C-alpha cells in the first residue's frame, strides 16, 4: 500500500495472510485534509487553525499557504523540536504494528532522518536498491522529487519532508538495473497517473521512471502519491503501471500474486 497517512489501525491488519507487506511511503500526514484535527499541524495547532491552511491549499493559493504556514510556526518556541517529537511518536507506532515480513520505502511526506533514528534494521527505508522474493526482483526508489532544473529549498518552514532533487532521484533510478517490479512512491511522468481529479491538477512525478520503464520493461511499476488519479493503472509497453491506492481512506491493500 501507499499513503498510509496515519491510518495505523488499518495498517496493523494489512499484512494478515500475506507473505510480504510492501509499503510505498507517506506514513505520516503533515495536514489531514479530511480531518483538520489530524496530521502534524492538527496535533500542534488544533482543527480551527488548520482549516484556513486547507482552504488555501484547495484554492491553490501557494504564496498565501506558505505565508500562513510561517505565521503558525512563528508562535511556537521550538518548531523543529515539536515536529520531531510528534513524528518520532507516530513512527514508533508504525514499528509496533507492522509485521516482520515488511519492506518499506519512504514517501515525500516522510522525515527520513527521524525514521532512521526510530526504525529497527529490519525496517530500514529501502532506496536505490533491490531485493528478491520468490525469484522476483524488486527495485526501490524512495521520496519525492523536485522538477528537473529546480533547486530544492527548505525555506523558513521547520517541516523537512523527503523531497530530493531531480538529479538525485534520477541517480537512484539509474542505479537499479533490470527488475521485475519497480517500486516508487511518486508515479512516472504519465499524465493519467499524475492527474488528481479532486484538486484538478498534475501532481509530483519521478524523473527517470518512464525512461527506466521503456528501457527495461519490468512486469509491474507500482506507485502511490496521487490519491484520486485519472487512471489507477495503464500499460506502457509490456509494463503494467499501477497506483496501489490511497490507503488512509480505503484501508485496503493492493494484493499482488506472484
Protein backbone atom coordinates (compact mmCIF):
# COMPACT_ATOMS: atom_id res chain seq x y z
CA UNK A 1 0.00 0.00 0.00
CA UNK A 2 0.91 3.68 -0.20
CA UNK A 3 -0.23 6.86 1.52
CA UNK A 4 -0.92 5.42 4.96
CA UNK A 5 -1.09 8.99 6.31
CA UNK A 6 -1.62 7.97 9.92
CA UNK A 7 -4.17 5.16 9.43
CA UNK A 8 -2.24 2.87 11.74
CA UNK A 9 -5.31 0.89 12.80
CA UNK A 10 -5.83 -0.43 9.27
CA UNK A 11 -2.07 -0.78 8.80
CA UNK A 12 -1.95 -3.22 11.72
CA UNK A 13 -4.23 -5.60 9.78
CA UNK A 14 -2.91 -5.03 6.27
CA UNK A 15 -0.31 -7.80 6.31
CA UNK A 16 -2.64 -10.53 7.62
CA UNK A 17 -2.35 -13.64 5.46
CA UNK A 18 0.34 -12.18 3.22
CA UNK A 19 3.89 -13.39 2.64
CA UNK A 20 5.08 -9.79 2.34
CA UNK A 21 3.75 -6.37 3.28
CA UNK A 22 5.12 -3.72 0.91
CA UNK A 23 4.70 -0.08 1.97
CA UNK A 24 5.35 2.59 -0.66
CA UNK A 25 5.67 5.61 1.58
CA UNK A 26 3.87 8.51 3.24
CA UNK A 27 3.39 7.01 6.67
CA UNK A 28 2.64 10.49 8.03
CA UNK A 29 0.28 13.36 7.34
CA UNK A 30 1.51 16.94 7.66
CA UNK A 31 -2.09 18.06 7.15
CA UNK A 32 -5.11 15.76 7.12
CA UNK A 33 -7.46 17.38 4.60
CA UNK A 34 -10.33 15.13 5.67
CA UNK A 35 -9.86 15.68 9.41
CA UNK A 36 -8.27 19.05 10.31
CA UNK A 37 -7.58 17.81 13.85
CA UNK A 38 -5.32 15.08 12.45
CA UNK A 39 -1.88 15.32 10.91
CA UNK A 40 1.12 17.16 12.33
CA UNK A 41 -0.49 20.60 12.09
CA UNK A 42 -3.67 19.38 13.76
CA UNK A 43 -1.72 17.89 16.66
CA UNK A 44 0.16 21.15 17.26
CA UNK A 45 -2.42 23.84 16.46
CA UNK A 46 -5.87 22.22 16.57
CA UNK A 47 -8.57 21.95 13.93
CA UNK A 48 -9.70 25.59 13.84
CA UNK A 49 -6.25 26.91 12.95
CA UNK A 50 -5.72 24.20 10.35
CA UNK A 51 -8.91 24.92 8.37
CA UNK A 52 -7.52 28.13 6.76
CA UNK A 53 -4.47 26.09 5.68
CA UNK A 54 -6.64 23.51 3.92
CA UNK A 55 -8.74 26.25 2.28
CA UNK A 56 -5.63 27.96 0.88
CA UNK A 57 -4.28 24.62 -0.39
CA UNK A 58 -7.60 23.72 -2.01
CA UNK A 59 -7.69 27.10 -3.82
CA UNK A 60 -4.12 26.63 -5.00
CA UNK A 61 -3.01 29.85 -3.27
CA UNK A 62 0.54 28.67 -2.58
CA UNK A 63 2.03 32.09 -1.66
CA UNK A 64 -0.78 32.54 0.85
CA UNK A 65 -0.31 28.98 2.06
CA UNK A 66 3.41 29.43 2.72
CA UNK A 67 2.79 32.74 4.49
CA UNK A 68 0.10 31.20 6.71
CA UNK A 69 2.31 28.22 7.49
CA UNK A 70 5.14 30.53 8.60
CA UNK A 71 2.69 32.55 10.68
CA UNK A 72 1.54 29.42 12.50
CA UNK A 73 5.03 28.20 13.37
CA UNK A 74 6.24 31.69 14.38
CA UNK A 75 4.27 31.32 17.60
CA UNK A 76 5.92 28.02 18.62
CA UNK A 77 9.14 28.34 20.72
CA UNK A 78 10.81 25.24 19.24
CA UNK A 79 9.05 24.28 15.99
CA UNK A 80 11.62 21.70 14.90
CA UNK A 81 11.53 20.03 18.31
CA UNK A 82 7.73 19.94 18.36
CA UNK A 83 7.64 18.27 14.94
CA UNK A 84 10.42 15.83 15.85
CA UNK A 85 8.53 14.64 18.94
CA UNK A 86 5.27 14.03 17.08
CA UNK A 87 6.92 12.37 14.09
CA UNK A 88 9.00 10.06 16.31
CA UNK A 89 5.93 9.10 18.33
CA UNK A 90 3.97 8.21 15.20
CA UNK A 91 6.86 6.32 13.66
CA UNK A 92 7.18 4.24 16.82
CA UNK A 93 3.53 3.34 16.36
CA UNK A 94 4.28 2.10 12.83
CA UNK A 95 7.13 -0.06 14.14
CA UNK A 96 4.76 -1.56 16.71
CA UNK A 97 2.03 -2.56 14.24
CA UNK A 98 3.77 -3.75 11.06
CA UNK A 99 4.74 -7.43 10.87
CA UNK A 100 8.22 -8.87 10.49
CA UNK A 101 7.60 -9.57 6.81
CA UNK A 102 7.57 -5.90 5.77
CA UNK A 103 9.56 -4.00 3.15
CA UNK A 104 9.23 -0.25 3.21
CA UNK A 105 10.28 2.85 1.34
CA UNK A 106 9.62 6.42 2.45
CA UNK A 107 7.46 8.97 0.63
CA UNK A 108 7.70 12.70 0.11
CA UNK A 109 5.84 13.49 3.35
CA UNK A 110 8.08 11.28 5.46
CA UNK A 111 11.05 12.52 7.51
CA UNK A 112 13.97 10.29 6.60
CA UNK A 113 16.26 11.28 9.50
CA UNK A 114 13.61 10.55 12.13
CA UNK A 115 12.62 7.23 10.56
CA UNK A 116 16.28 6.17 10.52
CA UNK A 117 16.56 7.01 14.22
CA UNK A 118 13.38 5.15 15.23
CA UNK A 119 13.17 2.13 12.91
CA UNK A 120 14.93 -1.16 13.63
CA UNK A 121 17.28 -2.61 10.97
CA UNK A 122 14.54 -4.87 9.58
CA UNK A 123 12.52 -1.76 8.65
CA UNK A 124 15.33 0.31 7.16
CA UNK A 125 13.94 2.51 4.41
CA UNK A 126 14.76 0.99 1.01
CA UNK A 127 16.15 3.26 -1.69
CA UNK A 128 18.28 2.80 -4.84
CA UNK A 129 18.48 -0.94 -4.16
CA UNK A 130 16.86 -4.26 -4.98
CA UNK A 131 15.51 -7.27 -3.12
CA UNK A 132 14.28 -10.65 -4.32
CA UNK A 133 11.25 -12.68 -3.19
CA UNK A 134 10.23 -16.00 -4.77
CA UNK A 135 12.58 -15.35 -7.66
CA UNK A 136 11.00 -11.93 -8.37
CA UNK A 137 13.37 -8.95 -8.27
CA UNK A 138 12.00 -5.71 -6.76
CA UNK A 139 13.65 -2.29 -7.18
CA UNK A 140 13.04 0.69 -4.86
CA UNK A 141 13.23 4.46 -5.29
CA UNK A 142 12.13 6.49 -2.26
CA UNK A 143 10.89 10.02 -1.65
CA UNK A 144 9.56 12.77 -3.82
CA UNK A 145 11.36 14.87 -6.40
CA UNK A 146 11.69 18.45 -7.47
CA UNK A 147 11.30 19.31 -11.13
CA UNK A 148 14.34 18.93 -13.38
CA UNK A 149 16.49 22.04 -13.11
CA UNK A 150 14.80 23.24 -9.92
CA UNK A 151 16.78 23.92 -6.75
CA UNK A 152 15.34 22.32 -3.60
CA UNK A 153 14.98 24.95 -0.86
CA UNK A 154 13.58 24.17 2.58
CA UNK A 155 12.72 27.81 3.28
CA UNK A 156 11.58 29.04 6.67
CA UNK A 157 9.29 26.11 7.46
CA UNK A 158 10.52 23.69 10.16
CA UNK A 159 8.93 20.81 8.23
CA UNK A 160 11.59 18.79 6.37
CA UNK A 161 9.85 16.29 4.07
CA UNK A 162 11.73 13.83 1.87
CA UNK A 163 11.85 15.72 -1.42
CA UNK A 164 15.09 15.23 -3.32
CA UNK A 165 16.49 16.96 -6.38
CA UNK A 166 15.56 15.59 -9.80
CA UNK A 167 19.20 14.65 -10.38
CA UNK A 168 19.31 12.70 -7.11
CA UNK A 169 16.06 10.91 -7.90
CA UNK A 170 17.28 10.08 -11.40
CA UNK A 171 20.54 8.70 -10.00
CA UNK A 172 18.60 6.39 -7.68
CA UNK A 173 16.55 5.09 -10.63
CA UNK A 174 19.64 4.62 -12.78
CA UNK A 175 21.39 2.60 -10.06
CA UNK A 176 18.83 -0.22 -10.08
CA UNK A 177 19.48 -2.23 -13.21
CA UNK A 178 16.76 -4.59 -14.51
CA UNK A 179 13.98 -5.59 -12.08
CA UNK A 180 10.64 -7.36 -12.36
CA UNK A 181 8.73 -4.95 -10.11
CA UNK A 182 9.66 -1.25 -9.94
CA UNK A 183 8.51 0.37 -6.67
CA UNK A 184 8.39 4.13 -6.06
CA UNK A 185 6.28 6.49 -4.01
CA UNK A 186 5.66 9.01 -6.79
CA UNK A 187 4.38 7.89 -10.20
CA UNK A 188 6.11 8.01 -13.56
CA UNK A 189 5.55 11.06 -15.74
CA UNK A 190 2.34 9.70 -17.25
CA UNK A 191 -0.49 12.22 -17.19
CA UNK A 192 -3.37 9.83 -16.34
CA UNK A 193 -1.43 8.64 -13.27
CA UNK A 194 -0.22 12.10 -12.23
CA UNK A 195 -3.53 13.96 -12.58
CA UNK A 196 -5.54 14.10 -9.35
CA UNK A 197 -9.21 14.53 -10.17
CA UNK A 198 -10.19 16.22 -6.87
CA UNK A 199 -7.82 19.23 -6.80
CA UNK A 200 -7.75 19.02 -10.64
CA UNK A 201 -4.00 19.28 -11.14
CA UNK A 202 -0.92 17.31 -12.07
CA UNK A 203 0.96 16.01 -9.04
CA UNK A 204 4.66 15.30 -8.48
CA UNK A 205 6.35 12.62 -10.60
CA UNK A 206 9.64 10.72 -10.52
CA UNK A 207 12.23 11.83 -13.09
CA UNK A 208 13.70 8.88 -14.96
CA UNK A 209 10.90 6.40 -14.17
CA UNK A 210 9.33 6.48 -17.64
CA UNK A 211 12.74 6.13 -19.27
CA UNK A 212 13.53 3.20 -16.98
CA UNK A 213 10.23 1.51 -17.88
CA UNK A 214 10.86 2.00 -21.60
CA UNK A 215 14.37 0.59 -21.32
CA UNK A 216 13.86 -2.43 -19.04
CA UNK A 217 10.12 -3.14 -19.37
CA UNK A 218 9.53 -4.51 -15.85
CA UNK A 219 6.38 -6.54 -15.42
CA UNK A 220 4.98 -4.03 -12.93
CA UNK A 221 5.64 -0.43 -11.88
CA UNK A 222 3.93 0.24 -8.53
CA UNK A 223 3.46 3.72 -7.02
CA UNK A 224 1.15 5.87 -4.92
CA UNK A 225 1.18 9.59 -4.01
CA UNK A 226 -1.77 10.61 -6.22
CA UNK A 227 -4.86 9.97 -4.14
CA UNK A 228 -7.55 10.19 -6.85
CA UNK A 229 -5.74 9.61 -10.15
CA UNK A 230 -7.44 9.87 -13.51
CA UNK A 231 -6.26 6.30 -14.11
CA UNK A 232 -5.15 3.82 -11.45
CA UNK A 233 -3.44 1.58 -13.99
CA UNK A 234 -2.23 1.76 -17.56
CA UNK A 235 0.07 -0.07 -19.92
CA UNK A 236 3.44 1.29 -21.02
CA UNK A 237 4.79 -1.25 -23.47
CA UNK A 238 4.94 -4.56 -21.59
CA UNK A 239 4.79 -2.84 -18.18
CA UNK A 240 1.60 -2.58 -16.13
CA UNK A 241 1.78 0.71 -14.20
CA UNK A 242 -0.39 0.60 -11.07
CA UNK A 243 -1.38 3.16 -8.44
CA UNK A 244 -1.85 0.90 -5.41
CA UNK A 245 -4.48 3.16 -3.81
CA UNK A 246 -4.98 5.76 -1.10
CA UNK A 247 -4.66 3.52 1.95
CA UNK A 248 -5.55 6.17 4.51
CA UNK A 249 -9.09 6.35 3.15
CA UNK A 250 -9.65 2.83 1.82
CA UNK A 251 -7.82 0.76 4.45
CA UNK A 252 -7.37 -1.86 1.74
CA UNK A 253 -4.01 -3.00 0.38
CA UNK A 254 -3.41 -3.83 -3.27
CA UNK A 255 -2.86 -7.61 -3.49
CA UNK A 256 -0.07 -8.87 -5.75
CA UNK A 257 0.01 -12.60 -6.51
CA UNK A 258 3.47 -13.64 -7.67
